[in-house]
N, C-alpha and C. Protein backbone atom coordinates (compact mmCIF):
# COMPACT_ATOMS: atom_id res chain seq x y z
N MET A 1 -42.36 -43.43 35.61
CA MET A 1 -42.90 -43.06 34.74
C MET A 1 -43.11 -41.40 34.69
N MET A 2 -43.46 -41.03 35.87
CA MET A 2 -43.67 -39.67 36.10
C MET A 2 -42.45 -38.76 35.79
N ARG A 3 -41.38 -39.45 36.08
CA ARG A 3 -40.14 -38.76 36.07
C ARG A 3 -39.98 -38.30 34.52
N SER A 4 -40.02 -39.45 33.61
CA SER A 4 -39.85 -39.14 32.27
C SER A 4 -40.83 -38.18 31.66
N MET A 5 -42.14 -38.15 32.28
CA MET A 5 -42.92 -37.04 31.98
C MET A 5 -42.47 -35.72 32.24
N SER A 6 -41.75 -35.56 33.45
CA SER A 6 -41.34 -34.15 33.75
C SER A 6 -40.17 -33.66 32.98
N TRP A 7 -39.50 -34.64 32.43
CA TRP A 7 -38.35 -34.18 31.64
C TRP A 7 -39.03 -33.83 30.11
N LYS A 8 -40.02 -34.60 29.83
CA LYS A 8 -40.70 -34.19 28.56
C LYS A 8 -41.31 -32.90 28.64
N SER A 9 -41.83 -32.60 29.75
CA SER A 9 -42.58 -31.45 29.91
C SER A 9 -41.66 -30.20 30.06
N PHE A 10 -40.40 -30.43 30.63
CA PHE A 10 -39.23 -29.39 30.57
C PHE A 10 -38.77 -29.03 29.31
N PHE A 11 -38.57 -30.09 28.38
CA PHE A 11 -38.02 -29.85 27.05
C PHE A 11 -39.23 -29.11 26.32
N GLN A 12 -40.36 -29.14 26.63
CA GLN A 12 -41.50 -28.42 25.82
C GLN A 12 -41.75 -27.17 26.49
N SER A 13 -41.03 -26.80 27.55
CA SER A 13 -41.37 -25.55 28.38
C SER A 13 -40.90 -24.35 27.80
N LYS A 14 -41.35 -23.13 28.05
CA LYS A 14 -40.87 -21.86 27.67
C LYS A 14 -39.46 -21.57 28.03
N LEU A 15 -39.08 -22.04 29.28
CA LEU A 15 -37.76 -21.75 30.00
C LEU A 15 -36.71 -22.65 29.08
N PHE A 16 -36.97 -23.78 28.79
CA PHE A 16 -36.09 -24.57 27.67
C PHE A 16 -35.81 -23.65 26.63
N PHE A 17 -37.05 -23.20 26.01
CA PHE A 17 -36.90 -22.43 24.86
C PHE A 17 -36.00 -21.26 24.78
N VAL A 18 -36.14 -20.47 25.96
CA VAL A 18 -35.39 -19.19 26.25
C VAL A 18 -33.97 -19.44 26.56
N VAL A 19 -33.80 -20.49 27.27
CA VAL A 19 -32.29 -20.99 27.42
C VAL A 19 -31.69 -21.45 26.38
N GLY A 20 -32.35 -22.12 25.45
CA GLY A 20 -31.84 -22.59 24.15
C GLY A 20 -31.47 -21.47 23.23
N ILE A 21 -32.17 -20.70 23.30
CA ILE A 21 -32.04 -19.21 22.30
C ILE A 21 -30.72 -18.51 22.92
N ILE A 22 -30.82 -18.39 24.19
CA ILE A 22 -29.62 -17.63 24.68
C ILE A 22 -28.36 -18.28 24.33
N LEU A 23 -28.40 -19.70 24.48
CA LEU A 23 -27.16 -20.47 24.44
C LEU A 23 -26.91 -20.44 22.82
N LEU A 24 -27.72 -20.51 21.93
CA LEU A 24 -27.50 -20.32 20.60
C LEU A 24 -26.91 -19.00 20.11
N GLY A 25 -27.54 -18.20 20.81
CA GLY A 25 -26.99 -16.62 20.72
C GLY A 25 -25.56 -16.48 20.93
N ILE A 26 -25.15 -16.86 22.23
CA ILE A 26 -23.78 -16.91 22.55
C ILE A 26 -22.86 -17.66 21.60
N LEU A 27 -23.20 -18.95 21.23
CA LEU A 27 -22.41 -19.77 20.51
C LEU A 27 -22.24 -19.19 19.03
N SER A 28 -23.40 -18.52 18.45
CA SER A 28 -23.30 -17.93 17.32
C SER A 28 -22.38 -16.60 17.24
N THR A 29 -22.37 -15.88 18.42
CA THR A 29 -21.50 -14.78 18.49
C THR A 29 -20.04 -15.11 18.55
N ASN A 30 -19.82 -16.19 19.33
CA ASN A 30 -18.50 -16.53 19.37
C ASN A 30 -17.98 -17.09 18.05
N LEU A 31 -18.85 -17.97 17.31
CA LEU A 31 -18.46 -18.55 16.09
C LEU A 31 -18.10 -17.38 15.15
N THR A 32 -19.07 -16.27 15.14
CA THR A 32 -18.98 -15.17 14.23
C THR A 32 -17.51 -14.34 14.41
N ARG A 33 -17.31 -14.21 15.77
CA ARG A 33 -16.08 -13.46 16.18
C ARG A 33 -14.81 -14.27 15.62
N THR A 34 -14.95 -15.68 15.87
CA THR A 34 -13.71 -16.44 15.47
C THR A 34 -13.58 -16.51 13.93
N GLN A 35 -14.67 -16.49 13.22
CA GLN A 35 -14.64 -16.52 11.75
C GLN A 35 -14.05 -15.13 11.15
N LEU A 36 -14.42 -14.21 11.98
CA LEU A 36 -13.72 -12.76 11.68
C LEU A 36 -12.32 -12.52 11.84
N LYS A 37 -11.83 -13.07 13.07
CA LYS A 37 -10.52 -13.16 13.42
C LYS A 37 -9.61 -14.15 12.34
N ASP A 38 -10.34 -15.21 12.04
CA ASP A 38 -9.71 -16.09 11.01
C ASP A 38 -9.43 -15.35 9.77
N ARG A 39 -10.53 -14.67 9.22
CA ARG A 39 -10.41 -13.89 7.97
C ARG A 39 -9.08 -12.83 8.01
N ALA A 40 -9.18 -12.14 9.14
CA ALA A 40 -8.16 -11.16 9.27
C ALA A 40 -6.75 -11.77 9.29
N ILE A 41 -6.63 -12.90 9.87
CA ILE A 41 -5.29 -13.50 10.06
C ILE A 41 -4.99 -14.15 8.60
N ARG A 42 -5.86 -14.57 7.88
CA ARG A 42 -5.66 -15.23 6.51
C ARG A 42 -5.25 -13.92 5.63
N ARG A 43 -5.91 -12.85 5.70
CA ARG A 43 -5.47 -11.70 4.97
C ARG A 43 -4.19 -11.24 5.33
N GLU A 44 -3.61 -11.04 6.45
CA GLU A 44 -2.39 -10.90 6.92
C GLU A 44 -1.34 -11.86 6.54
N ILE A 45 -1.82 -13.22 6.50
CA ILE A 45 -0.66 -14.17 5.95
C ILE A 45 -0.52 -14.00 4.62
N ALA A 46 -1.54 -13.61 3.78
CA ALA A 46 -1.43 -13.49 2.28
C ALA A 46 -0.76 -12.16 1.87
N LYS A 47 -0.79 -11.20 2.81
CA LYS A 47 -0.01 -9.93 2.57
C LYS A 47 1.49 -10.27 2.83
N LEU A 48 1.66 -11.03 4.18
CA LEU A 48 3.22 -11.30 4.38
C LEU A 48 3.71 -12.29 3.31
N GLN A 49 3.05 -13.14 2.76
CA GLN A 49 3.50 -14.04 1.83
C GLN A 49 3.74 -13.34 0.52
N ALA A 50 3.03 -12.31 0.21
CA ALA A 50 3.33 -11.58 -1.07
C ALA A 50 4.59 -10.89 -0.86
N GLU A 51 4.82 -10.23 0.36
CA GLU A 51 5.98 -9.64 0.64
C GLU A 51 7.21 -10.61 0.65
N VAL A 52 7.03 -11.70 1.22
CA VAL A 52 8.20 -12.50 1.16
C VAL A 52 8.39 -13.02 -0.25
N ASP A 53 7.38 -13.15 -1.26
CA ASP A 53 7.72 -13.57 -2.47
C ASP A 53 8.66 -12.43 -3.35
N ALA A 54 8.06 -11.05 -2.94
CA ALA A 54 8.83 -9.96 -3.52
C ALA A 54 10.24 -10.06 -3.04
N LEU A 55 10.48 -10.21 -1.92
CA LEU A 55 11.90 -10.30 -1.21
C LEU A 55 12.68 -11.30 -1.77
N GLU A 56 11.93 -12.52 -1.87
CA GLU A 56 12.68 -13.61 -2.52
C GLU A 56 13.17 -13.18 -3.95
N GLN A 57 12.08 -12.72 -4.76
CA GLN A 57 12.45 -12.30 -6.07
C GLN A 57 13.60 -11.34 -6.10
N GLU A 58 13.64 -10.15 -5.33
CA GLU A 58 14.83 -9.25 -5.14
C GLU A 58 15.99 -9.97 -4.78
N ARG A 59 16.09 -10.91 -3.96
CA ARG A 59 17.30 -11.64 -3.50
C ARG A 59 17.71 -12.34 -4.73
N THR A 60 16.95 -13.09 -5.47
CA THR A 60 17.26 -13.75 -6.56
C THR A 60 17.94 -12.87 -7.68
N GLY A 61 17.39 -11.67 -7.73
CA GLY A 61 18.15 -10.84 -8.79
C GLY A 61 19.50 -10.29 -8.11
N TYR A 62 19.52 -10.12 -6.92
CA TYR A 62 20.86 -9.74 -6.42
C TYR A 62 21.89 -10.80 -6.43
N GLU A 63 21.42 -11.99 -6.26
CA GLU A 63 22.33 -13.19 -6.30
C GLU A 63 22.90 -13.23 -7.94
N THR A 64 21.98 -13.14 -8.90
CA THR A 64 22.30 -13.13 -10.20
C THR A 64 23.28 -12.01 -10.50
N LEU A 65 23.25 -10.78 -10.05
CA LEU A 65 24.00 -9.78 -10.19
C LEU A 65 25.44 -10.05 -9.55
N ILE A 66 25.37 -10.48 -8.38
CA ILE A 66 26.68 -10.97 -7.81
C ILE A 66 27.43 -12.00 -8.51
N ALA A 67 26.57 -12.97 -9.07
CA ALA A 67 27.37 -13.98 -9.98
C ALA A 67 27.91 -13.66 -11.06
N LEU A 68 27.25 -12.47 -11.66
CA LEU A 68 27.69 -11.84 -12.95
C LEU A 68 28.91 -10.99 -12.70
N LEU A 69 28.97 -10.28 -11.43
CA LEU A 69 30.11 -9.61 -11.08
C LEU A 69 31.40 -10.23 -10.55
N GLU A 70 31.02 -11.42 -10.28
CA GLU A 70 32.19 -12.31 -9.89
C GLU A 70 32.94 -13.11 -11.03
N THR A 71 32.38 -12.96 -12.12
CA THR A 71 32.63 -13.89 -13.24
C THR A 71 34.20 -13.27 -13.71
N PRO A 72 35.01 -14.10 -13.87
CA PRO A 72 36.49 -13.70 -14.44
C PRO A 72 36.41 -12.66 -15.57
N ALA A 73 35.58 -12.90 -16.46
CA ALA A 73 35.56 -11.93 -17.74
C ALA A 73 35.06 -10.45 -17.25
N PHE A 74 34.11 -10.49 -16.26
CA PHE A 74 33.81 -9.04 -15.86
C PHE A 74 34.93 -8.56 -14.89
N LEU A 75 35.49 -9.26 -14.04
CA LEU A 75 36.59 -8.69 -13.50
C LEU A 75 37.88 -8.25 -14.11
N GLU A 76 38.06 -8.90 -15.10
CA GLU A 76 39.00 -8.51 -16.09
C GLU A 76 38.80 -7.36 -16.94
N ARG A 77 37.53 -7.25 -17.37
CA ARG A 77 37.24 -6.00 -17.95
C ARG A 77 37.11 -4.75 -17.21
N GLU A 78 36.77 -4.86 -15.92
CA GLU A 78 36.82 -3.77 -14.96
C GLU A 78 38.20 -3.37 -14.69
N ALA A 79 38.97 -4.43 -14.55
CA ALA A 79 40.45 -4.11 -14.36
C ALA A 79 41.15 -3.31 -15.38
N ARG A 80 40.67 -3.90 -16.63
CA ARG A 80 41.33 -3.15 -17.75
C ARG A 80 40.89 -1.78 -17.94
N ARG A 81 39.56 -1.62 -17.76
CA ARG A 81 38.77 -0.29 -17.78
C ARG A 81 39.28 0.77 -16.68
N SER A 82 39.43 0.25 -15.40
CA SER A 82 39.42 1.20 -14.47
C SER A 82 41.04 1.36 -14.00
N LEU A 83 41.67 0.21 -13.97
CA LEU A 83 43.14 0.23 -13.48
C LEU A 83 43.99 0.27 -14.70
N GLY A 84 43.72 0.17 -15.89
CA GLY A 84 44.61 0.12 -17.02
C GLY A 84 45.47 -1.14 -16.96
N TYR A 85 44.93 -2.25 -16.51
CA TYR A 85 45.29 -3.67 -16.68
C TYR A 85 45.78 -3.99 -18.09
N ALA A 86 46.77 -4.64 -18.11
CA ALA A 86 47.21 -5.29 -19.55
C ALA A 86 47.82 -6.55 -19.25
N LYS A 87 47.38 -7.67 -20.04
CA LYS A 87 48.03 -8.94 -19.92
C LYS A 87 49.56 -8.79 -20.40
N PRO A 88 50.14 -9.84 -19.96
CA PRO A 88 51.58 -9.74 -20.41
C PRO A 88 51.72 -9.95 -21.96
N GLY A 89 52.57 -9.10 -22.44
CA GLY A 89 52.68 -8.93 -23.94
C GLY A 89 51.83 -7.89 -24.61
N GLU A 90 50.69 -7.33 -23.84
CA GLU A 90 50.07 -6.37 -24.44
C GLU A 90 50.53 -5.01 -24.07
N GLN A 91 50.26 -3.92 -24.96
CA GLN A 91 50.70 -2.63 -24.57
C GLN A 91 49.38 -1.76 -24.50
N VAL A 92 49.56 -0.87 -23.41
CA VAL A 92 48.53 -0.13 -23.13
C VAL A 92 48.79 1.27 -23.88
N VAL A 93 47.64 1.69 -24.46
CA VAL A 93 47.89 3.08 -25.24
C VAL A 93 46.92 4.13 -24.59
N VAL A 94 47.59 5.06 -24.23
CA VAL A 94 46.69 6.30 -23.65
C VAL A 94 46.47 7.37 -24.44
N VAL A 95 45.32 7.68 -24.75
CA VAL A 95 44.97 8.80 -25.78
C VAL A 95 44.58 10.03 -24.92
N GLU A 96 45.39 11.08 -25.05
CA GLU A 96 45.19 12.37 -24.27
C GLU A 96 44.28 13.15 -25.13
N LYS A 97 43.41 14.05 -24.46
CA LYS A 97 42.64 14.93 -25.11
C LYS A 97 43.45 16.16 -25.57
N ASN A 98 42.95 16.73 -26.70
CA ASN A 98 43.97 17.95 -27.05
C ASN A 98 43.52 18.94 -26.13
N GLU A 99 44.33 20.15 -26.46
CA GLU A 99 44.18 21.27 -25.37
C GLU A 99 42.79 22.01 -25.57
N GLN A 100 42.41 22.10 -26.79
CA GLN A 100 41.10 22.53 -27.10
C GLN A 100 39.94 22.13 -26.22
N GLU A 101 39.92 20.73 -26.30
CA GLU A 101 38.97 20.08 -25.34
C GLU A 101 39.05 20.22 -23.85
N GLN A 102 40.30 20.08 -23.57
CA GLN A 102 40.58 20.54 -22.09
C GLN A 102 40.07 21.90 -21.72
N LEU A 103 40.47 22.97 -22.55
CA LEU A 103 39.92 24.36 -22.18
C LEU A 103 38.53 24.42 -22.22
N GLN A 104 37.68 23.68 -23.25
CA GLN A 104 36.35 23.70 -23.15
C GLN A 104 35.61 22.99 -21.83
N GLN A 105 36.34 21.92 -21.46
CA GLN A 105 35.93 21.32 -20.29
C GLN A 105 36.22 22.22 -18.88
N GLN A 106 37.27 22.84 -19.12
CA GLN A 106 37.63 23.88 -17.89
C GLN A 106 36.55 25.00 -17.80
N GLU A 107 36.19 25.44 -19.01
CA GLU A 107 35.25 26.57 -19.18
C GLU A 107 33.77 26.09 -18.66
N GLN A 108 33.40 24.82 -19.00
CA GLN A 108 32.14 24.26 -18.60
C GLN A 108 32.25 24.10 -17.18
N ARG A 109 33.24 23.69 -16.53
CA ARG A 109 33.14 23.56 -15.10
C ARG A 109 33.04 24.91 -14.40
N GLU A 110 33.46 26.00 -15.03
CA GLU A 110 33.37 27.28 -14.31
C GLU A 110 32.08 27.82 -14.36
N LEU A 111 31.22 27.45 -15.30
CA LEU A 111 29.77 28.07 -15.68
C LEU A 111 28.96 27.71 -14.47
N SER A 112 27.93 28.49 -14.49
CA SER A 112 26.90 28.20 -13.23
C SER A 112 25.99 27.04 -13.90
N ASN A 113 25.15 26.59 -13.09
CA ASN A 113 24.32 25.40 -13.47
C ASN A 113 23.36 25.96 -14.36
N PRO A 114 22.68 27.05 -14.37
CA PRO A 114 21.59 27.37 -15.41
C PRO A 114 22.32 27.57 -16.81
N LYS A 115 23.63 28.16 -16.74
CA LYS A 115 24.23 28.36 -17.93
C LYS A 115 24.57 27.15 -18.63
N LYS A 116 25.05 26.14 -17.92
CA LYS A 116 25.30 24.84 -18.35
C LYS A 116 24.10 24.30 -19.00
N TRP A 117 22.87 24.36 -18.51
CA TRP A 117 21.71 23.82 -18.99
C TRP A 117 21.37 24.69 -20.40
N TRP A 118 21.60 25.83 -20.49
CA TRP A 118 21.38 26.77 -21.60
C TRP A 118 22.29 26.31 -22.82
N VAL A 119 23.60 25.99 -22.38
CA VAL A 119 24.55 25.51 -23.37
C VAL A 119 24.15 24.13 -23.85
N TYR A 120 23.65 23.31 -22.89
CA TYR A 120 23.16 21.97 -23.34
C TYR A 120 22.17 21.97 -24.38
N PHE A 121 21.13 22.83 -23.93
CA PHE A 121 19.92 22.74 -24.95
C PHE A 121 19.94 23.68 -26.20
N PHE A 122 20.72 24.81 -26.02
CA PHE A 122 20.87 25.90 -27.20
C PHE A 122 22.28 26.06 -27.76
N GLY A 123 23.20 25.34 -27.11
CA GLY A 123 24.64 25.49 -27.68
C GLY A 123 25.00 26.82 -26.93
N SER A 124 26.39 27.01 -27.44
CA SER A 124 27.01 28.37 -26.90
C SER A 124 26.60 29.51 -27.54
């Protein structure tokens, strides 16, 4: 019976109260640090997820562009435009520029850049 009284008096003592406050302070500090780290990690995850979403959207755009560029209609159109491709039975007609247009282009190539801008905005 005496032993139970000593435990009761220990739990009611100032030493138990001080030790309890110290332990509570240590646990609270660790909990606060852990929560701050958790918030920082969650912010970093959200930032990285937004970056992943943006990159996936960009990748989707590139895949769409590649799919468009690989279509037979686009390839044929580009072959016709840049290589002068013609299907069997078609005739290719080449329209040459007249001499006056060629001279104007030659003169414009010889002009300095500021003069080209002057001509562009105000004419010759």
